[in-house]
C-alpha atoms as a PDB file:
ATOM      1  CA  UNK A   1     -24.692  -5.093   2.258  1.00  0.00           C
ATOM      2  CA  UNK A   2     -24.800  -7.251   5.055  1.00  0.00           C
ATOM      3  CA  UNK A   3     -22.012  -6.712   7.560  1.00  0.00           C
ATOM      4  CA  UNK A   4     -18.588  -8.630   7.229  1.00  0.00           C
ATOM      5  CA  UNK A   5     -18.019 -11.007   9.973  1.00  0.00           C
ATOM      6  CA  UNK A   6     -14.128 -11.382  11.343  1.00  0.00           C
ATOM      7  CA  UNK A   7     -13.980 -15.004   9.507  1.00  0.00           C
ATOM      8  CA  UNK A   8     -14.214 -13.704   6.262  1.00  0.00           C
ATOM      9  CA  UNK A   9     -10.127 -13.822   4.857  1.00  0.00           C
ATOM     10  CA  UNK A  10     -10.011 -16.324   7.170  1.00  0.00           C
ATOM     11  CA  UNK A  11      -6.636 -18.709   5.348  1.00  0.00           C
ATOM     12  CA  UNK A  12      -5.785 -15.541   3.405  1.00  0.00           C
ATOM     13  CA  UNK A  13      -1.558 -14.813   4.321  1.00  0.00           C
ATOM     14  CA  UNK A  14      -1.184 -10.916   3.756  1.00  0.00           C
ATOM     15  CA  UNK A  15       1.884  -9.181   3.076  1.00  0.00           C
ATOM     16  CA  UNK A  16       1.423  -5.399   3.741  1.00  0.00           C
ATOM     17  CA  UNK A  17       4.793  -3.464   3.140  1.00  0.00           C
ATOM     18  CA  UNK A  18       4.959   0.090   5.142  1.00  0.00           C
ATOM     19  CA  UNK A  19       2.017  -1.343   7.577  1.00  0.00           C
ATOM     20  CA  UNK A  20       3.239   0.067  10.562  1.00  0.00           C
ATOM     21  CA  UNK A  21       1.537   3.725  10.632  1.00  0.00           C
ATOM     22  CA  UNK A  22      -0.589   5.521   8.080  1.00  0.00           C
ATOM     23  CA  UNK A  23      -2.454   3.911   5.228  1.00  0.00           C
ATOM     24  CA  UNK A  24      -0.746   0.657   5.775  1.00  0.00           C
ATOM     25  CA  UNK A  25      -1.409   0.061   9.430  1.00  0.00           C
ATOM     26  CA  UNK A  26      -5.222   0.945   8.367  1.00  0.00           C
ATOM     27  CA  UNK A  27      -5.316  -1.541   5.737  1.00  0.00           C
ATOM     28  CA  UNK A  28      -3.444  -4.346   8.041  1.00  0.00           C
ATOM     29  CA  UNK A  29      -5.921  -3.713  11.083  1.00  0.00           C
ATOM     30  CA  UNK A  30      -9.285  -4.180   8.492  1.00  0.00           C
ATOM     31  CA  UNK A  31      -7.518  -7.502   7.022  1.00  0.00           C
ATOM     32  CA  UNK A  32      -6.941  -8.871  10.509  1.00  0.00           C
ATOM     33  CA  UNK A  33     -10.040  -7.977  11.665  1.00  0.00           C
ATOM     34  CA  UNK A  34     -11.491 -10.029   9.023  1.00  0.00           C
ATOM     35  CA  UNK A  35      -9.468 -13.236  10.008  1.00  0.00           C
ATOM     36  CA  UNK A  36      -6.027 -12.697   7.767  1.00  0.00           C
ATOM     37  CA  UNK A  37      -2.747 -13.638   8.934  1.00  0.00           C
ATOM     38  CA  UNK A  38      -0.904 -10.543   8.245  1.00  0.00           C
ATOM     39  CA  UNK A  39       2.837  -9.782   7.979  1.00  0.00           C
ATOM     40  CA  UNK A  40       3.811  -5.717   8.367  1.00  0.00           C
ATOM     41  CA  UNK A  41       6.820  -4.524   7.080  1.00  0.00           C
ATOM     42  CA  UNK A  42       9.420  -1.829   8.342  1.00  0.00           C
ATOM     43  CA  UNK A  43      12.871  -0.816   8.053  1.00  0.00           C
ATOM     44  CA  UNK A  44      13.406  -0.862  11.699  1.00  0.00           C
ATOM     45  CA  UNK A  45      12.383  -4.544  12.958  1.00  0.00           C
ATOM     46  CA  UNK A  46      11.331  -3.173  16.530  1.00  0.00           C
ATOM     47  CA  UNK A  47       8.913  -0.896  14.939  1.00  0.00           C
ATOM     48  CA  UNK A  48       7.620  -3.329  12.856  1.00  0.00           C
ATOM     49  CA  UNK A  49       7.111  -6.165  15.502  1.00  0.00           C
ATOM     50  CA  UNK A  50       5.457  -3.431  17.845  1.00  0.00           C
ATOM     51  CA  UNK A  51       2.879  -2.459  14.910  1.00  0.00           C
ATOM     52  CA  UNK A  52       2.184  -6.572  14.845  1.00  0.00           C
ATOM     53  CA  UNK A  53       1.576  -6.916  18.216  1.00  0.00           C
ATOM     54  CA  UNK A  54      -0.942  -4.682  18.046  1.00  0.00           C
ATOM     55  CA  UNK A  55      -2.899  -6.179  15.195  1.00  0.00           C
ATOM     56  CA  UNK A  56      -3.343  -9.593  17.100  1.00  0.00           C
ATOM     57  CA  UNK A  57      -1.823 -12.910  17.739  1.00  0.00           C
ATOM     58  CA  UNK A  58      -2.139 -13.578  13.574  1.00  0.00           C
ATOM     59  CA  UNK A  59      -0.034 -10.913  12.823  1.00  0.00           C
ATOM     60  CA  UNK A  60       3.525 -10.706  12.211  1.00  0.00           C
ATOM     61  CA  UNK A  61       6.503  -7.532  11.981  1.00  0.00           C
ATOM     62  CA  UNK A  62       9.066  -8.163   9.599  1.00  0.00           C
ATOM     63  CA  UNK A  63      11.967  -5.480   9.065  1.00  0.00           C
ATOM     64  CA  UNK A  64      12.572  -5.040   5.628  1.00  0.00           C
ATOM     65  CA  UNK A  65      14.115  -2.050   3.409  1.00  0.00           C
ATOM     66  CA  UNK A  66      12.228  -2.488   0.145  1.00  0.00           C
ATOM     67  CA  UNK A  67      14.668  -0.014  -1.428  1.00  0.00           C
ATOM     68  CA  UNK A  68      17.615  -2.754  -1.257  1.00  0.00           C
ATOM     69  CA  UNK A  69      17.574  -6.332  -3.661  1.00  0.00           C
ATOM     70  CA  UNK A  70      19.241  -8.400  -1.208  1.00  0.00           C
ATOM     71  CA  UNK A  71      17.142  -7.819   2.188  1.00  0.00           C
ATOM     72  CA  UNK A  72      13.475  -7.787   0.193  1.00  0.00           C
ATOM     73  CA  UNK A  73      14.890 -11.055  -1.099  1.00  0.00           C
ATOM     74  CA  UNK A  74      15.913 -12.070   2.105  1.00  0.00           C
ATOM     75  CA  UNK A  75      12.744 -11.168   3.708  1.00  0.00           C
ATOM     76  CA  UNK A  76      10.470 -13.117   1.232  1.00  0.00           C
ATOM     77  CA  UNK A  77      12.111 -16.091   1.788  1.00  0.00           C
ATOM     78  CA  UNK A  78      12.043 -16.003   5.567  1.00  0.00           C
ATOM     79  CA  UNK A  79       8.089 -15.034   5.265  1.00  0.00           C
ATOM     80  CA  UNK A  80       7.536 -17.676   2.811  1.00  0.00           C
ATOM     81  CA  UNK A  81       9.304 -20.283   5.384  1.00  0.00           C
ATOM     82  CA  UNK A  82       7.018 -19.013   8.571  1.00  0.00           C
ATOM     83  CA  UNK A  83       3.699 -18.550   6.419  1.00  0.00           C
ATOM     84  CA  UNK A  84       3.858 -21.086   3.545  1.00  0.00           C
ATOM     85  CA  UNK A  85       2.775 -18.855   1.214  1.00  0.00           C
ATOM     86  CA  UNK A  86       1.216 -15.561   0.369  1.00  0.00           C
ATOM     87  CA  UNK A  87      -2.236 -15.055  -0.870  1.00  0.00           C
ATOM     88  CA  UNK A  88      -2.088 -10.911  -0.701  1.00  0.00           C
ATOM     89  CA  UNK A  89       0.712  -8.651  -1.622  1.00  0.00           C
ATOM     90  CA  UNK A  90      -0.261  -5.009  -0.671  1.00  0.00           C
ATOM     91  CA  UNK A  91       2.588  -2.665  -2.127  1.00  0.00           C
ATOM     92  CA  UNK A  92       2.244   0.445   0.235  1.00  0.00           C
ATOM     93  CA  UNK A  93       5.587   1.511   1.548  1.00  0.00           C
ATOM     94  CA  UNK A  94       6.675   4.784   0.843  1.00  0.00           C
ATOM     95  CA  UNK A  95       7.941   7.845   2.765  1.00  0.00           C
ATOM     96  CA  UNK A  96       6.263  11.639   2.099  1.00  0.00           C
ATOM     97  CA  UNK A  97       6.934  14.955   1.262  1.00  0.00           C
ATOM     98  CA  UNK A  98       7.855  16.037   4.617  1.00  0.00           C
ATOM     99  CA  UNK A  99      11.130  14.154   4.295  1.00  0.00           C
ATOM    100  CA  UNK A 100      12.232  16.929   1.653  1.00  0.00           C
ATOM    101  CA  UNK A 101       9.827  19.541   2.800  1.00  0.00           C
ATOM    102  CA  UNK A 102       8.479  19.383   6.113  1.00  0.00           C
ATOM    103  CA  UNK A 103       6.265  22.479   5.150  1.00  0.00           C
ATOM    104  CA  UNK A 104       5.508  21.201   1.346  1.00  0.00           C
ATOM    105  CA  UNK A 105       1.857  22.479   2.067  1.00  0.00           C
ATOM    106  CA  UNK A 106       2.288  25.666   3.121  1.00  0.00           C
ATOM    107  CA  UNK A 107       5.662  26.558   1.883  1.00  0.00           C
ATOM    108  CA  UNK A 108       5.991  24.629  -1.475  1.00  0.00           C
ATOM    109  CA  UNK A 109       9.631  24.521  -2.989  1.00  0.00           C
ATOM    110  CA  UNK A 110      10.437  24.210  -6.597  1.00  0.00           C
ATOM    111  CA  UNK A 111      12.076  20.739  -7.679  1.00  0.00           C
ATOM    112  CA  UNK A 112      15.543  22.486  -8.073  1.00  0.00           C
ATOM    113  CA  UNK A 113      15.847  23.102  -4.371  1.00  0.00           C
ATOM    114  CA  UNK A 114      15.116  18.827  -3.823  1.00  0.00           C
ATOM    115  CA  UNK A 115      17.868  17.285  -2.505  1.00  0.00           C
ATOM    116  CA  UNK A 116      19.296  14.444  -4.730  1.00  0.00           C
ATOM    117  CA  UNK A 117      19.611  12.325  -1.599  1.00  0.00           C
ATOM    118  CA  UNK A 118      15.823  13.459  -0.597  1.00  0.00           C
ATOM    119  CA  UNK A 119      14.944  12.778  -4.125  1.00  0.00           C
ATOM    120  CA  UNK A 120      16.151   9.303  -4.022  1.00  0.00           C
ATOM    121  CA  UNK A 121      14.973   8.235  -0.873  1.00  0.00           C
ATOM    122  CA  UNK A 122      11.314   8.804  -2.176  1.00  0.00           C
ATOM    123  CA  UNK A 123      11.424   7.265  -5.447  1.00  0.00           C
ATOM    124  CA  UNK A 124      13.646   4.280  -4.092  1.00  0.00           C
ATOM    125  CA  UNK A 125      11.162   3.434  -1.753  1.00  0.00           C
ATOM    126  CA  UNK A 126       8.053   3.904  -3.885  1.00  0.00           C
ATOM    127  CA  UNK A 127       8.738   2.823  -6.793  1.00  0.00           C
ATOM    128  CA  UNK A 128      11.558   0.710  -6.667  1.00  0.00           C
ATOM    129  CA  UNK A 129      10.267  -0.902  -3.649  1.00  0.00           C
ATOM    130  CA  UNK A 130       7.150  -1.611  -5.342  1.00  0.00           C
ATOM    131  CA  UNK A 131       8.712  -3.429  -8.083  1.00  0.00           C
ATOM    132  CA  UNK A 132      11.184  -5.091  -5.847  1.00  0.00           C
ATOM    133  CA  UNK A 133       8.774  -6.781  -3.783  1.00  0.00           C
ATOM    134  CA  UNK A 134       6.139  -7.623  -6.592  1.00  0.00           C
ATOM    135  CA  UNK A 135       9.494  -9.057  -8.161  1.00  0.00           C
ATOM    136  CA  UNK A 136      10.217 -11.436  -5.069  1.00  0.00           C
ATOM    137  CA  UNK A 137       6.688 -11.892  -4.272  1.00  0.00           C
ATOM    138  CA  UNK A 138       4.750 -12.525  -7.825  1.00  0.00           C
ATOM    139  CA  UNK A 139       6.977 -15.763  -9.110  1.00  0.00           C
ATOM    140  CA  UNK A 140       5.311 -17.779  -6.776  1.00  0.00           C
ATOM    141  CA  UNK A 141       1.973 -16.827  -6.844  1.00  0.00           C
ATOM    142  CA  UNK A 142       2.013 -18.073 -10.404  1.00  0.00           C
ATOM    143  CA  UNK A 143       1.328 -21.692  -9.711  1.00  0.00           C
ATOM    144  CA  UNK A 144      -1.466 -21.122  -7.291  1.00  0.00           C
ATOM    145  CA  UNK A 145      -2.735 -17.439  -7.840  1.00  0.00           C
ATOM    146  CA  UNK A 146      -2.930 -14.744  -5.638  1.00  0.00           C
ATOM    147  CA  UNK A 147      -3.824 -10.854  -5.160  1.00  0.00           C
ATOM    148  CA  UNK A 148      -1.727  -8.221  -5.735  1.00  0.00           C
ATOM    149  CA  UNK A 149      -2.893  -4.259  -4.457  1.00  0.00           C
ATOM    150  CA  UNK A 150      -0.814  -1.494  -5.322  1.00  0.00           C
ATOM    151  CA  UNK A 151      -1.306   1.794  -3.430  1.00  0.00           C
ATOM    152  CA  UNK A 152      -1.352   4.834  -5.163  1.00  0.00           C
ATOM    153  CA  UNK A 153      -2.634   8.760  -5.159  1.00  0.00           C
ATOM    154  CA  UNK A 154      -4.636  11.325  -6.919  1.00  0.00           C
ATOM    155  CA  UNK A 155      -3.569  12.547 -10.631  1.00  0.00           C
ATOM    156  CA  UNK A 156      -3.735  15.722  -9.140  1.00  0.00           C
ATOM    157  CA  UNK A 157      -1.273  15.320  -6.478  1.00  0.00           C
ATOM    158  CA  UNK A 158       1.002  13.545  -8.996  1.00  0.00           C
ATOM    159  CA  UNK A 159       1.342  16.999 -11.160  1.00  0.00           C
ATOM    160  CA  UNK A 160       0.798  19.199  -8.374  1.00  0.00           C
ATOM    161  CA  UNK A 161       3.494  22.196  -8.234  1.00  0.00           C
ATOM    162  CA  UNK A 162       6.223  21.752  -4.694  1.00  0.00           C
ATOM    163  CA  UNK A 163       5.182  18.091  -5.032  1.00  0.00           C
ATOM    164  CA  UNK A 164       8.659  16.739  -6.184  1.00  0.00           C
ATOM    165  CA  UNK A 165       9.361  13.885  -5.676  1.00  0.00           C
ATOM    166  CA  UNK A 166       6.426  12.506  -4.116  1.00  0.00           C
ATOM    167  CA  UNK A 167       3.983  13.290  -7.180  1.00  0.00           C
ATOM    168  CA  UNK A 168       6.051  11.707  -9.748  1.00  0.00           C
ATOM    169  CA  UNK A 169       6.509   8.439  -7.376  1.00  0.00           C
ATOM    170  CA  UNK A 170       3.348   7.829  -7.474  1.00  0.00           C
ATOM    171  CA  UNK A 171       2.682   8.389 -11.368  1.00  0.00           C
ATOM    172  CA  UNK A 172       5.656   5.985 -11.746  1.00  0.00           C
ATOM    173  CA  UNK A 173       4.014   3.364  -9.686  1.00  0.00           C
ATOM    174  CA  UNK A 174       0.612   3.777 -11.537  1.00  0.00           C
ATOM    175  CA  UNK A 175       2.750   3.002 -14.517  1.00  0.00           C
ATOM    176  CA  UNK A 176       4.518   0.124 -13.305  1.00  0.00           C
ATOM    177  CA  UNK A 177       1.174  -1.264 -11.809  1.00  0.00           C
ATOM    178  CA  UNK A 178      -0.239  -1.086 -15.234  1.00  0.00           C
ATOM    179  CA  UNK A 179       2.433  -2.591 -16.812  1.00  0.00           C
ATOM    180  CA  UNK A 180       2.344  -5.576 -14.059  1.00  0.00           C
ATOM    181  CA  UNK A 181      -1.324  -5.771 -14.871  1.00  0.00           C
ATOM    182  CA  UNK A 182      -0.619  -6.466 -18.547  1.00  0.00           C
ATOM    183  CA  UNK A 183       2.063  -8.951 -17.861  1.00  0.00           C
ATOM    184  CA  UNK A 184      -0.315 -11.210 -15.675  1.00  0.00           C
ATOM    185  CA  UNK A 185      -3.301 -11.174 -17.628  1.00  0.00           C
ATOM    186  CA  UNK A 186      -3.149 -14.415 -18.708  1.00  0.00           C
ATOM    187  CA  UNK A 187      -2.297 -15.224 -15.319  1.00  0.00           C
ATOM    188  CA  UNK A 188      -3.878 -16.465 -12.009  1.00  0.00           C
ATOM    189  CA  UNK A 189      -2.621 -13.688 -10.177  1.00  0.00           C
ATOM    190  CA  UNK A 190      -4.798 -10.394 -10.016  1.00  0.00           C
ATOM    191  CA  UNK A 191      -3.224  -7.217  -9.754  1.00  0.00           C
ATOM    192  CA  UNK A 192      -5.481  -3.369  -9.029  1.00  0.00           C
ATOM    193  CA  UNK A 193      -4.596  -0.272  -8.166  1.00  0.00           C
ATOM    194  CA  UNK A 194      -6.045   1.331  -4.347  1.00  0.00           C
ATOM    195  CA  UNK A 195      -5.718   4.963  -3.461  1.00  0.00           C
ATOM    196  CA  UNK A 196      -7.840   6.628  -0.709  1.00  0.00           C
ATOM    197  CA  UNK A 197      -9.175   9.590  -3.142  1.00  0.00           C
ATOM    198  CA  UNK A 198      -7.891  12.407  -0.874  1.00  0.00           C
ATOM    199  CA  UNK A 199      -5.140  13.556   1.659  1.00  0.00           C
ATOM    200  CA  UNK A 200      -5.386  11.622   4.788  1.00  0.00           C
ATOM    201  CA  UNK A 201      -4.942  11.993   8.371  1.00  0.00           C
ATOM    202  CA  UNK A 202      -1.513  10.340   8.425  1.00  0.00           C
ATOM    203  CA  UNK A 203       2.089  11.532   9.413  1.00  0.00           C
ATOM    204  CA  UNK A 204       2.872  12.272   5.948  1.00  0.00           C
ATOM    205  CA  UNK A 205       1.215  15.481   6.508  1.00  0.00           C
ATOM    206  CA  UNK A 206       3.009  19.219   8.199  1.00  0.00           C
ATOM    207  CA  UNK A 207       2.613  19.870  11.687  1.00  0.00           C
ATOM    208  CA  UNK A 208       1.911  23.326  10.504  1.00  0.00           C
ATOM    209  CA  UNK A 209      -1.816  22.832   8.337  1.00  0.00           C
ATOM    210  CA  UNK A 210      -4.707  24.701   9.354  1.00  0.00           C
ATOM    211  CA  UNK A 211      -7.541  23.318  11.163  1.00  0.00           C
ATOM    212  CA  UNK A 212      -9.861  23.700   8.248  1.00  0.00           C
ATOM    213  CA  UNK A 213      -7.236  21.561   6.037  1.00  0.00           C
ATOM    214  CA  UNK A 214      -6.975  19.217   8.882  1.00  0.00           C
ATOM    215  CA  UNK A 215     -10.661  19.034   9.385  1.00  0.00           C
ATOM    216  CA  UNK A 216     -10.948  17.461   5.444  1.00  0.00           C
ATOM    217  CA  UNK A 217      -8.183  14.848   5.743  1.00  0.00           C
ATOM    218  CA  UNK A 218      -9.461  11.326   5.393  1.00  0.00           C
ATOM    219  CA  UNK A 219      -9.313   8.670   8.010  1.00  0.00           C
ATOM    220  CA  UNK A 220      -7.184   6.180   6.894  1.00  0.00           C
ATOM    221  CA  UNK A 221      -9.631   3.758   7.691  1.00  0.00           C
ATOM    222  CA  UNK A 222     -11.466   4.252   4.170  1.00  0.00           C
ATOM    223  CA  UNK A 223      -9.196   1.827   3.012  1.00  0.00           C
ATOM    224  CA  UNK A 224     -10.524  -0.853   4.960  1.00  0.00           C
ATOM    225  CA  UNK A 225     -13.424  -1.704   3.430  1.00  0.00           C
ATOM    226  CA  UNK A 226     -11.794  -2.034  -0.336  1.00  0.00           C
ATOM    227  CA  UNK A 227      -8.718  -3.827   0.759  1.00  0.00           C
ATOM    228  CA  UNK A 228     -11.042  -6.505   2.173  1.00  0.00           C
ATOM    229  CA  UNK A 229     -12.994  -6.975  -0.697  1.00  0.00           C
ATOM    230  CA  UNK A 230      -9.831  -6.966  -3.108  1.00  0.00           C
ATOM    231  CA  UNK A 231      -8.622  -9.737  -0.762  1.00  0.00           C
ATOM    232  CA  UNK A 232     -12.221 -11.994  -0.742  1.00  0.00           C
ATOM    233  CA  UNK A 233     -13.388 -14.431  -2.961  1.00  0.00           C
ATOM    234  CA  UNK A 234     -15.805 -11.847  -4.426  1.00  0.00           C
ATOM    235  CA  UNK A 235     -13.124 -10.067  -6.025  1.00  0.00           C
ATOM    236  CA  UNK A 236     -11.471 -13.470  -7.763  1.00  0.00           C
ATOM    237  CA  UNK A 237     -12.326 -11.719 -10.970  1.00  0.00           C
ATOM    238  CA  UNK A 238     -10.939  -7.981 -10.704  1.00  0.00           C
ATOM    239  CA  UNK A 239      -8.135  -7.380 -12.895  1.00  0.00           C
ATOM    240  CA  UNK A 240      -6.521  -4.174 -13.728  1.00  0.00           C
ATOM    241  CA  UNK A 241      -8.930  -1.876 -11.780  1.00  0.00           C
ATOM    242  CA  UNK A 242      -8.458   1.461 -10.338  1.00  0.00           C
ATOM    243  CA  UNK A 243     -10.226   2.106  -7.311  1.00  0.00           C
ATOM    244  CA  UNK A 244     -10.801   4.720  -5.294  1.00  0.00           C
ATOM    245  CA  UNK A 245     -11.835   4.468  -1.783  1.00  0.00           C
ATOM    246  CA  UNK A 246     -13.981   7.260  -1.161  1.00  0.00           C
ATOM    247  CA  UNK A 247     -16.007   5.980  -4.142  1.00  0.00           C
ATOM    248  CA  UNK A 248     -15.718   2.605  -3.372  1.00  0.00           C
ATOM    249  CA  UNK A 249     -19.448   1.267  -2.922  1.00  0.00           C
ATOM    250  CA  UNK A 250     -20.568   3.247  -5.749  1.00  0.00           C
ATOM    251  CA  UNK A 251     -17.758   1.482  -7.951  1.00  0.00           C
ATOM    252  CA  UNK A 252     -18.917  -1.793  -6.560  1.00  0.00           C
ATOM    253  CA  UNK A 253     -22.620  -1.119  -6.972  1.00  0.00           C
ATOM    254  CA  UNK A 254     -21.818  -0.040 -10.573  1.00  0.00           C
ATOM    255  CA  UNK A 255     -19.631  -3.063 -11.497  1.00  0.00           C
ATOM    256  CA  UNK A 256     -22.273  -5.493 -10.144  1.00  0.00           C
ATOM    257  CA  UNK A 257     -24.927  -4.024 -12.685  1.00  0.00           C
END
């Protein structure tokens, strides 16, 4: 395959929730490099602005608390006013296990030791946030078409001991994505699920992990090629797929056959 040029996604307007760090930042960078006009969100306005400044002149940072319906509606209204529309929504916002257990890999805790507030924060950010943002954006895409990509995780992570509530939130998001894809099947909006395929070197990983574990972590940049492809004309008919970034090239080759 020939190398992509920075003009591939010229004219594409993309919103990446939670796009200031980790997987979101990596995807936002890849989209911006490919020529897309990118909006990244964070609960903190300054953090969102700083991240956008690092992505180039075509990027914008927006404050959005994906857990709050009014905040989501207001932010999406403003983004549409600013950009004139959206062609791609990446539902990525989430918080990890560190927020409920800073040493979750070396000292996993059972579900009964997880605080109610910690549980709600993770679930509200990932599953409720995905629902609220998609609910605000997708109806506006129905007339002209659009793409939605929901970011998920390995099935093993969803059911791993000591991973409440992070794992179950991922399972819920996948179920939501399948229902949304079914609801959108007869429309011009395409929805797919994308996951890295393993633990990634992001701020969600505890500081006390061993050098051996850290050496096996995936570079978040692995999410770049599949997210750019999913935003491109090549993926115009791709819908309801679950794509693993580590297997992306193999998956795409098999699909082409």
